[in-house]
Every structure is written in C-alpha cells, then in structure tokens.
C-alpha atoms as a PDB file:
ATOM      1  CA  MET A   1      56.634  32.581 -65.680  1.00  0.00           C
ATOM      2  CA  ALA A   2      53.716  30.150 -65.765  1.00  0.00           C
ATOM      3  CA  SER A   3      52.242  31.732 -62.653  1.00  0.00           C
ATOM      4  CA  GLN A   4      52.393  35.175 -64.256  1.00  0.00           C
ATOM      5  CA  ILE A   5      50.575  33.970 -67.387  1.00  0.00           C
ATOM      6  CA  SER A   6      47.798  32.223 -65.454  1.00  0.00           C
ATOM      7  CA  SER A   7      47.297  35.257 -63.232  1.00  0.00           C
ATOM      8  CA  SER A   8      47.074  37.659 -66.153  1.00  0.00           C
ATOM      9  CA  ASN A   9      44.486  35.463 -67.883  1.00  0.00           C
ATOM     10  CA  GLY A  10      42.276  35.413 -64.778  1.00  0.00           C
ATOM     11  CA  PHE A  11      42.764  31.662 -64.386  1.00  0.00           C
ATOM     12  CA  ASN A  12      43.499  31.457 -60.660  1.00  0.00           C
ATOM     13  CA  GLU A  13      42.600  29.170 -57.781  1.00  0.00           C
ATOM     14  CA  GLU A  14      39.652  31.336 -56.628  1.00  0.00           C
ATOM     15  CA  ASN A  15      37.857  31.042 -59.990  1.00  0.00           C
ATOM     16  CA  VAL A  16      38.500  27.314 -60.215  1.00  0.00           C
ATOM     17  CA  SER A  17      37.329  26.542 -56.669  1.00  0.00           C
ATOM     18  CA  ALA A  18      34.164  28.669 -57.111  1.00  0.00           C
ATOM     19  CA  GLY A  19      33.157  26.700 -60.213  1.00  0.00           C
ATOM     20  CA  HIS A  20      33.250  29.678 -62.615  1.00  0.00           C
ATOM     21  CA  SER A  21      33.774  29.267 -66.326  1.00  0.00           C
ATOM     22  CA  MET A  22      35.951  31.838 -68.087  1.00  0.00           C
ATOM     23  CA  ALA A  23      33.551  31.758 -71.024  1.00  0.00           C
ATOM     24  CA  ASP A  24      30.755  33.010 -68.713  1.00  0.00           C
ATOM     25  CA  THR A  25      32.885  35.802 -67.303  1.00  0.00           C
ATOM     26  CA  ALA A  26      32.106  39.320 -68.506  1.00  0.00           C
ATOM     27  CA  GLY A  27      35.122  40.581 -70.423  1.00  0.00           C
ATOM     28  CA  GLY A  28      36.547  37.132 -71.116  1.00  0.00           C
ATOM     29  CA  PHE A  29      39.582  35.852 -69.257  1.00  0.00           C
ATOM     30  CA  ASP A  30      40.655  39.279 -68.023  1.00  0.00           C
ATOM     31  CA  ALA A  31      37.618  40.024 -65.790  1.00  0.00           C
ATOM     32  CA  THR A  32      36.337  38.702 -62.492  1.00  0.00           C
ATOM     33  CA  PRO A  33      33.330  36.320 -62.386  1.00  0.00           C
ATOM     34  CA  ARG A  34      29.833  37.823 -62.346  1.00  0.00           C
ATOM     35  CA  GLY A  35      28.634  35.685 -59.439  1.00  0.00           C
ATOM     36  CA  PRO A  36      28.456  32.169 -58.037  1.00  0.00           C
ATOM     37  CA  CYS A  37      27.741  29.211 -60.259  1.00  0.00           C
ATOM     38  CA  THR A  38      24.029  28.969 -61.127  1.00  0.00           C
ATOM     39  CA  LYS A  39      24.101  25.201 -60.672  1.00  0.00           C
ATOM     40  CA  SER A  40      24.755  25.478 -56.923  1.00  0.00           C
ATOM     41  CA  PRO A  41      21.841  24.167 -54.814  1.00  0.00           C
ATOM     42  CA  GLY A  42      19.653  26.617 -52.900  1.00  0.00           C
ATOM     43  CA  PRO A  43      16.284  26.839 -51.147  1.00  0.00           C
ATOM     44  CA  PRO A  44      13.255  26.595 -53.426  1.00  0.00           C
ATOM     45  CA  ALA A  45      11.129  29.658 -54.030  1.00  0.00           C
ATOM     46  CA  ALA A  46       8.227  29.910 -51.560  1.00  0.00           C
ATOM     47  CA  ASN A  47       4.727  31.106 -52.388  1.00  0.00           C
ATOM     48  CA  ARG A  48       2.944  33.405 -49.970  1.00  0.00           C
ATOM     49  CA  HIS A  49      -0.506  32.311 -48.819  1.00  0.00           C
ATOM     50  CA  ARG A  50      -2.288  35.397 -47.532  1.00  0.00           C
ATOM     51  CA  LEU A  51      -5.129  35.309 -45.061  1.00  0.00           C
ATOM     52  CA  PRO A  52      -8.641  36.177 -46.267  1.00  0.00           C
ATOM     53  CA  ASP A  53      -9.764  39.776 -45.925  1.00  0.00           C
ATOM     54  CA  GLU A  54     -12.100  38.788 -43.079  1.00  0.00           C
ATOM     55  CA  ARG A  55     -10.587  36.310 -40.630  1.00  0.00           C
ATOM     56  CA  VAL A  56     -10.968  35.134 -37.069  1.00  0.00           C
ATOM     57  CA  ALA A  57      -8.396  36.328 -34.533  1.00  0.00           C
ATOM     58  CA  ILE A  58      -7.603  35.742 -30.857  1.00  0.00           C
ATOM     59  CA  THR A  59      -6.310  38.562 -28.626  1.00  0.00           C
ATOM     60  CA  HIS A  60      -4.399  37.595 -25.487  1.00  0.00           C
ATOM     61  CA  HIS A  61      -3.388  39.983 -22.692  1.00  0.00           C
ATOM     62  CA  PHE A  62      -0.059  39.195 -21.024  1.00  0.00           C
ATOM     63  CA  SER A  63       2.258  40.634 -18.400  1.00  0.00           C
ATOM     64  CA  VAL A  64       5.960  39.825 -18.034  1.00  0.00           C
ATOM     65  CA  GLY A  65       7.614  41.284 -14.959  1.00  0.00           C
ATOM     66  CA  GLY A  66       5.072  44.100 -14.844  1.00  0.00           C
ATOM     67  CA  HIS A  67       5.375  44.911 -18.570  1.00  0.00           C
ATOM     68  CA  GLU A  68       1.930  44.466 -20.090  1.00  0.00           C
ATOM     69  CA  GLY A  69       1.036  43.878 -23.704  1.00  0.00           C
ATOM     70  CA  TYR A  70      -1.498  42.393 -26.101  1.00  0.00           C
ATOM     71  CA  LEU A  71      -0.876  39.551 -28.547  1.00  0.00           C
ATOM     72  CA  THR A  72      -3.305  39.115 -31.460  1.00  0.00           C
ATOM     73  CA  VAL A  73      -3.109  35.942 -33.567  1.00  0.00           C
ATOM     74  CA  GLY A  74      -4.918  35.921 -36.922  1.00  0.00           C
ATOM     75  CA  LEU A  75      -6.117  32.507 -38.084  1.00  0.00           C
ATOM     76  CA  TYR A  76      -6.618  30.763 -41.392  1.00  0.00           C
ATOM     77  CA  PRO A  77     -10.059  29.209 -42.018  1.00  0.00           C
ATOM     78  CA  ASN A  78      -8.672  25.863 -40.775  1.00  0.00           C
ATOM     79  CA  GLY A  79      -7.668  27.424 -37.437  1.00  0.00           C
ATOM     80  CA  GLU A  80      -3.903  27.599 -38.022  1.00  0.00           C
ATOM     81  CA  PRO A  81      -2.099  30.848 -37.124  1.00  0.00           C
ATOM     82  CA  GLY A  82      -1.185  33.022 -40.093  1.00  0.00           C
ATOM     83  CA  GLU A  83      -0.193  36.346 -38.534  1.00  0.00           C
ATOM     84  CA  ILE A  84       0.575  37.933 -35.175  1.00  0.00           C
ATOM     85  CA  PHE A  85       0.434  41.474 -33.840  1.00  0.00           C
ATOM     86  CA  ILE A  86       2.156  42.548 -30.615  1.00  0.00           C
ATOM     87  CA  ARG A  87       1.179  45.797 -28.908  1.00  0.00           C
ATOM     88  CA  MET A  88       3.244  47.076 -26.001  1.00  0.00           C
ATOM     89  CA  ALA A  89       3.930  50.443 -24.348  1.00  0.00           C
ATOM     90  CA  LYS A  90       2.973  53.667 -26.087  1.00  0.00           C
ATOM     91  CA  GLU A  91       2.642  54.220 -29.820  1.00  0.00           C
ATOM     92  CA  GLY A  92       5.921  55.459 -31.288  1.00  0.00           C
ATOM     93  CA  SER A  93       8.162  54.081 -28.534  1.00  0.00           C
ATOM     94  CA  THR A  94      11.198  51.938 -29.325  1.00  0.00           C
ATOM     95  CA  ILE A  95       9.826  48.711 -27.905  1.00  0.00           C
ATOM     96  CA  ALA A  96       6.492  49.224 -29.695  1.00  0.00           C
ATOM     97  CA  GLY A  97       8.307  49.648 -33.012  1.00  0.00           C
ATOM     98  CA  LEU A  98      10.460  46.579 -32.423  1.00  0.00           C
ATOM     99  CA  MET A  99       7.446  44.434 -31.519  1.00  0.00           C
ATOM    100  CA  GLU A 100       5.549  45.632 -34.597  1.00  0.00           C
ATOM    101  CA  CYS A 101       8.451  44.809 -36.915  1.00  0.00           C
ATOM    102  CA  PHE A 102       8.994  41.453 -35.230  1.00  0.00           C
ATOM    103  CA  GLY A 103       5.313  40.591 -35.644  1.00  0.00           C
ATOM    104  CA  THR A 104       5.558  41.422 -39.357  1.00  0.00           C
ATOM    105  CA  VAL A 105       8.555  39.106 -39.785  1.00  0.00           C
ATOM    106  CA  VAL A 106       6.783  36.219 -38.021  1.00  0.00           C
ATOM    107  CA  SER A 107       3.583  36.819 -40.013  1.00  0.00           C
ATOM    108  CA  VAL A 108       5.406  36.768 -43.354  1.00  0.00           C
ATOM    109  CA  SER A 109       7.276  33.622 -42.271  1.00  0.00           C
ATOM    110  CA  LEU A 110       4.039  31.815 -41.413  1.00  0.00           C
ATOM    111  CA  GLN A 111       2.437  32.857 -44.699  1.00  0.00           C
ATOM    112  CA  HIS A 112       5.447  31.517 -46.620  1.00  0.00           C
ATOM    113  CA  GLY A 113       5.155  28.089 -45.051  1.00  0.00           C
ATOM    114  CA  VAL A 114       7.599  28.205 -42.136  1.00  0.00           C
ATOM    115  CA  PRO A 115       6.211  25.684 -39.608  1.00  0.00           C
ATOM    116  CA  LEU A 116       4.913  27.197 -36.400  1.00  0.00           C
ATOM    117  CA  ARG A 117       6.710  24.490 -34.425  1.00  0.00           C
ATOM    118  CA  VAL A 118      10.047  25.628 -35.858  1.00  0.00           C
ATOM    119  CA  LEU A 119       9.447  29.232 -34.803  1.00  0.00           C
ATOM    120  CA  CYS A 120       8.401  28.150 -31.301  1.00  0.00           C
ATOM    121  CA  GLY A 121      11.460  25.960 -30.971  1.00  0.00           C
ATOM    122  CA  LYS A 122      13.813  28.734 -32.081  1.00  0.00           C
ATOM    123  CA  LEU A 123      12.362  31.629 -30.091  1.00  0.00           C
ATOM    124  CA  SER A 124      11.022  30.096 -26.884  1.00  0.00           C
ATOM    125  CA  HIS A 125      13.333  30.031 -23.826  1.00  0.00           C
ATOM    126  CA  THR A 126      15.364  32.982 -25.129  1.00  0.00           C
ATOM    127  CA  ARG A 127      16.732  34.991 -22.209  1.00  0.00           C
ATOM    128  CA  PHE A 128      16.865  38.804 -22.068  1.00  0.00           C
ATOM    129  CA  GLU A 129      15.178  41.618 -20.182  1.00  0.00           C
ATOM    130  CA  PRO A 130      12.422  42.273 -19.353  1.00  0.00           C
ATOM    131  CA  SER A 131      11.774  38.945 -17.653  1.00  0.00           C
ATOM    132  CA  GLY A 132       9.777  37.872 -14.626  1.00  0.00           C
ATOM    133  CA  TRP A 133       6.632  36.210 -13.358  1.00  0.00           C
ATOM    134  CA  THR A 134       3.681  36.244 -15.712  1.00  0.00           C
ATOM    135  CA  GLY A 135       0.677  35.283 -13.620  1.00  0.00           C
ATOM    136  CA  ASN A 136      -0.080  32.535 -16.157  1.00  0.00           C
ATOM    137  CA  GLU A 137      -0.173  29.195 -14.374  1.00  0.00           C
ATOM    138  CA  ARG A 138       0.831  27.350 -17.550  1.00  0.00           C
ATOM    139  CA  ILE A 139       3.996  29.379 -18.040  1.00  0.00           C
ATOM    140  CA  GLY A 140       4.977  30.804 -14.655  1.00  0.00           C
ATOM    141  CA  TYR A 141       8.317  32.563 -15.012  1.00  0.00           C
ATOM    142  CA  ALA A 142       9.203  33.912 -18.471  1.00  0.00           C
ATOM    143  CA  LYS A 143      12.839  34.520 -19.382  1.00  0.00           C
ATOM    144  CA  SER A 144      11.819  37.236 -21.880  1.00  0.00           C
ATOM    145  CA  ILE A 145       8.832  38.562 -23.782  1.00  0.00           C
ATOM    146  CA  MET A 146       9.697  36.318 -26.742  1.00  0.00           C
ATOM    147  CA  ASP A 147       9.874  33.356 -24.378  1.00  0.00           C
ATOM    148  CA  TYR A 148       6.372  34.044 -23.073  1.00  0.00           C
ATOM    149  CA  ILE A 149       4.806  34.721 -26.478  1.00  0.00           C
ATOM    150  CA  PHE A 150       6.038  31.560 -28.161  1.00  0.00           C
ATOM    151  CA  ARG A 151       5.506  29.313 -25.170  1.00  0.00           C
ATOM    152  CA  TRP A 152       1.923  30.579 -25.038  1.00  0.00           C
ATOM    153  CA  ILE A 153       1.470  30.045 -28.787  1.00  0.00           C
ATOM    154  CA  GLU A 154       2.900  26.537 -28.481  1.00  0.00           C
ATOM    155  CA  ALA A 155       0.554  25.680 -25.613  1.00  0.00           C
ATOM    156  CA  ARG A 156      -2.422  27.236 -27.400  1.00  0.00           C
ATOM    157  CA  PHE A 157      -1.976  25.775 -30.880  1.00  0.00           C
ATOM    158  CA  LEU A 158       0.544  22.902 -30.839  1.00  0.00           C
ATOM    159  CA  THR A 159       0.418  20.862 -27.627  1.00  0.00           C
ATOM    160  CA  GLY A 160      -2.035  18.101 -26.839  1.00  0.00           C
ATOM    161  CA  ASP A 161      -3.995  20.243 -24.376  1.00  0.00           C
ATOM    162  CA  GLN A 162      -5.148  22.776 -26.956  1.00  0.00           C
ATOM    163  CA  LEU A 163      -8.118  24.891 -25.998  1.00  0.00           C
ATOM    164  CA  PRO A 164     -11.199  24.996 -28.228  1.00  0.00           C
ATOM    165  CA  LEU A 165     -11.238  27.939 -30.589  1.00  0.00           C
ATOM    166  CA  PHE A 166     -14.473  29.261 -29.099  1.00  0.00           C
ATOM    167  CA  ASP A 167     -16.166  27.997 -25.969  1.00  0.00           C
ATOM    168  CA  VAL A 168     -19.925  27.535 -26.126  1.00  0.00           C
ATOM    169  CA  PRO A 169     -21.330  30.030 -23.607  1.00  0.00           C
ATOM    170  CA  ALA A 170     -23.674  29.028 -20.819  1.00  0.00           C
ATOM    171  CA  GLY A 171     -27.211  28.767 -22.112  1.00  0.00           C
ATOM    172  CA  GLY A 172     -26.031  28.449 -25.697  1.00  0.00           C
ATOM    173  CA  LYS A 173     -26.170  25.628 -28.208  1.00  0.00           C
ATOM    174  CA  THR A 174     -24.863  24.846 -31.674  1.00  0.00           C
ATOM    175  CA  ASN A 175     -27.070  24.504 -34.715  1.00  0.00           C
ATOM    176  CA  ASP A 176     -26.629  22.158 -37.694  1.00  0.00           C
ATOM    177  CA  LYS A 177     -23.993  24.467 -39.207  1.00  0.00           C
ATOM    178  CA  GLY A 178     -21.912  24.533 -36.026  1.00  0.00           C
ATOM    179  CA  ASP A 179     -22.788  28.149 -35.257  1.00  0.00           C
ATOM    180  CA  ILE A 180     -23.338  29.152 -31.655  1.00  0.00           C
ATOM    181  CA  THR A 181     -26.768  30.426 -30.758  1.00  0.00           C
ATOM    182  CA  SER A 182     -27.549  31.726 -27.322  1.00  0.00           C
ATOM    183  CA  LEU A 183     -30.868  32.250 -25.595  1.00  0.00           C
ATOM    184  CA  ALA A 184     -29.349  34.330 -22.844  1.00  0.00           C
ATOM    185  CA  ALA A 185     -29.294  38.117 -22.864  1.00  0.00           C
ATOM    186  CA  PRO A 186     -25.990  39.852 -23.669  1.00  0.00           C
ATOM    187  CA  PRO A 187     -23.834  40.622 -20.637  1.00  0.00           C
ATOM    188  CA  GLY A 188     -24.320  43.905 -18.854  1.00  0.00           C
ATOM    189  CA  GLY A 189     -22.248  46.816 -20.073  1.00  0.00           C
ATOM    190  CA  PHE A 190     -22.039  45.411 -23.589  1.00  0.00           C
ATOM    191  CA  GLU A 191     -23.551  48.561 -25.033  1.00  0.00           C
ATOM    192  CA  GLU A 192     -20.664  50.582 -23.610  1.00  0.00           C
ATOM    193  CA  THR A 193     -18.103  48.604 -25.590  1.00  0.00           C
ATOM    194  CA  TYR A 194     -19.489  49.707 -28.928  1.00  0.00           C
ATOM    195  CA  VAL A 195     -20.307  53.303 -29.697  1.00  0.00           C
ATOM    196  CA  PRO A 196     -20.878  54.177 -33.347  1.00  0.00           C
ATOM    197  CA  GLY A 197     -19.199  57.311 -34.563  1.00  0.00           C
ATOM    198  CA  ASP A 198     -15.663  58.564 -35.026  1.00  0.00           C
ATOM    199  CA  ALA A 199     -14.173  57.320 -31.748  1.00  0.00           C
ATOM    200  CA  PRO A 200     -10.419  56.685 -32.167  1.00  0.00           C
ATOM    201  CA  PRO A 201      -8.719  53.351 -31.400  1.00  0.00           C
ATOM    202  CA  CYS A 202      -6.765  53.017 -28.171  1.00  0.00           C
ATOM    203  CA  VAL A 203      -3.024  53.560 -28.665  1.00  0.00           C
ATOM    204  CA  THR A 204      -2.252  51.010 -25.944  1.00  0.00           C
ATOM    205  CA  CYS A 205      -4.366  47.963 -26.832  1.00  0.00           C
ATOM    206  CA  GLY A 206      -6.071  48.921 -30.119  1.00  0.00           C
ATOM    207  CA  ALA A 207      -9.661  48.633 -28.832  1.00  0.00           C
ATOM    208  CA  LEU A 208     -12.301  51.158 -29.823  1.00  0.00           C
ATOM    209  CA  MET A 209     -12.524  54.005 -27.294  1.00  0.00           C
ATOM    210  CA  VAL A 210     -15.731  55.567 -25.971  1.00  0.00           C
ATOM    211  CA  PRO A 211     -16.541  59.222 -25.208  1.00  0.00           C
ATOM    212  CA  ASN A 212     -15.579  60.401 -21.731  1.00  0.00           C
ATOM    213  CA  GLY A 213     -16.588  64.045 -21.396  1.00  0.00           C
ATOM    214  CA  SER A 214     -14.514  66.005 -23.886  1.00  0.00           C
ATOM    215  CA  CYS A 215     -12.017  63.130 -24.187  1.00  0.00           C
ATOM    216  CA  PHE A 216     -12.148  59.413 -24.954  1.00  0.00           C
ATOM    217  CA  LYS A 217     -11.419  56.433 -22.711  1.00  0.00           C
ATOM    218  CA  CYS A 218     -10.708  52.778 -23.382  1.00  0.00           C
ATOM    219  CA  VAL A 219     -13.033  50.348 -21.597  1.00  0.00           C
ATOM    220  CA  ASN A 220     -10.545  47.549 -22.234  1.00  0.00           C
ATOM    221  CA  CYS A 221      -7.349  48.848 -20.604  1.00  0.00           C
ATOM    222  CA  GLY A 222      -8.468  52.150 -19.034  1.00  0.00           C
ATOM    223  CA  SER A 223      -6.251  54.465 -21.097  1.00  0.00           C
ATOM    224  CA  THR A 224      -7.484  57.947 -22.005  1.00  0.00           C
ATOM    225  CA  SER A 225      -6.817  60.111 -25.035  1.00  0.00           C
ATOM    226  CA  SER A 226      -5.065  63.442 -24.761  1.00  0.00           C
ATOM    227  CA  CYS A 227      -7.391  66.385 -25.208  1.00  0.00           C
ATOM    228  CA  SER A 228      -7.348  70.107 -24.689  1.00  0.00           C
ATOM    229  CA  LEU A 229      -9.629  71.533 -22.051  1.00  0.00           C
END
C-alpha cells in the first residue's frame, strides 16, 4: 500500500537519486521533473576570441599516400594559431566537405580557448585511410590525413624546433620596427601570380587563377577552369 501511495505522488527512487525537488516539478507531485538539478557542476561558459579581420596566415602543401591537399593556418597577432582551413580534392566532393567542416570545428575550438596541445594529442596518430608516405622528412609515414596535419602543426608551433614565422630573404634586412626590407628585385615570374581583374579562385588550392586563352589556369597547382570553346 505504501509503495502505491509513493508511486502515485511521484516520489520514487529516480526523482530522489537525481536530486529533484517535488516543489520544483511542474504540476506538483504528479508530474515528472523538468530537468537535472541546477546545482550540479558543469563546464564554465567560454568566450569566443575571434581573429582580426586582417591576419597573417601560413599555407602548407602536403601529400599523404598520393592524396594532395593544402592546409592554411590563420594566426593571432601573437603568432598563435586561431583557425585552420583544409582544401582537398574537388569542390563539392565528400572529402572536401568533411575537411571543411572539420576545419570549422577546430577553428571554433581554438577561438574558445581549447589548447592547441590538447587537439594535437587527441588527433595525431589516428589511423585510417588514406595513409602513406608524405615526403616530409620530419613526419615520414602518416597513418591518416589527421595524423599528418596535427603532427605538422605540433612540429611547427609547439615543439622546441619551431621555425621562424617569416624567414628574412637573402639580401634583406630588418628595420627598427622589425619589418623586412629587401634591396633585391622580386623573383622572376612574380607578375604572373597577380593579375588584376575578375579572375576566379582555383577550386583545388584557392589561389587566384590567371587567364589562359579563353580559360583560366592556376599557377600554383596547375589546375584549369572549365570553359566552353
């Protein structure tokens, strides 16, 4: 009889163990709890620190088992990574969509304060296809694309043998503000890499294409745009 009364009043073991109060339950003792107890501990709210509208970025070309791609890392003013973009295969393909979404997740995580070392520790050495030799002497064989990307990021930004953000070119020097000034002429073919106008970006690597007859070509990766003859 006692069990029937307690069950009808909503006073059961589930409500007691979850820490619910019958006074906080919608509908009194005859309704189920609205949710978990508000006093339960949880992660603190994180604030997003966006990158400035104009920021420095590094683009790295990689190849894993013959699958080529481009990794772009956007940097905060202090040189710490704040976003990544991964471009692989053709625009609209499945792997390109997955890499774009994955880059968005990592970028939002970095901007909400997730340490880069934690991401590298979680995602490096993950094993799935495609895998293979990379041609990078620091990495060698990559177990997956994620393995290569985060091992490269770790070597580039976290380890003791970090590379300088920008190397001073031959014949150049730094002024009092730390800016690089060069007395040498720009390298040959530089004019071909920038053509003002309405040239579209390359769908493979994102670089600006240049006119090639009635079509456009990419001087970075060699891709051409589709055009009607």
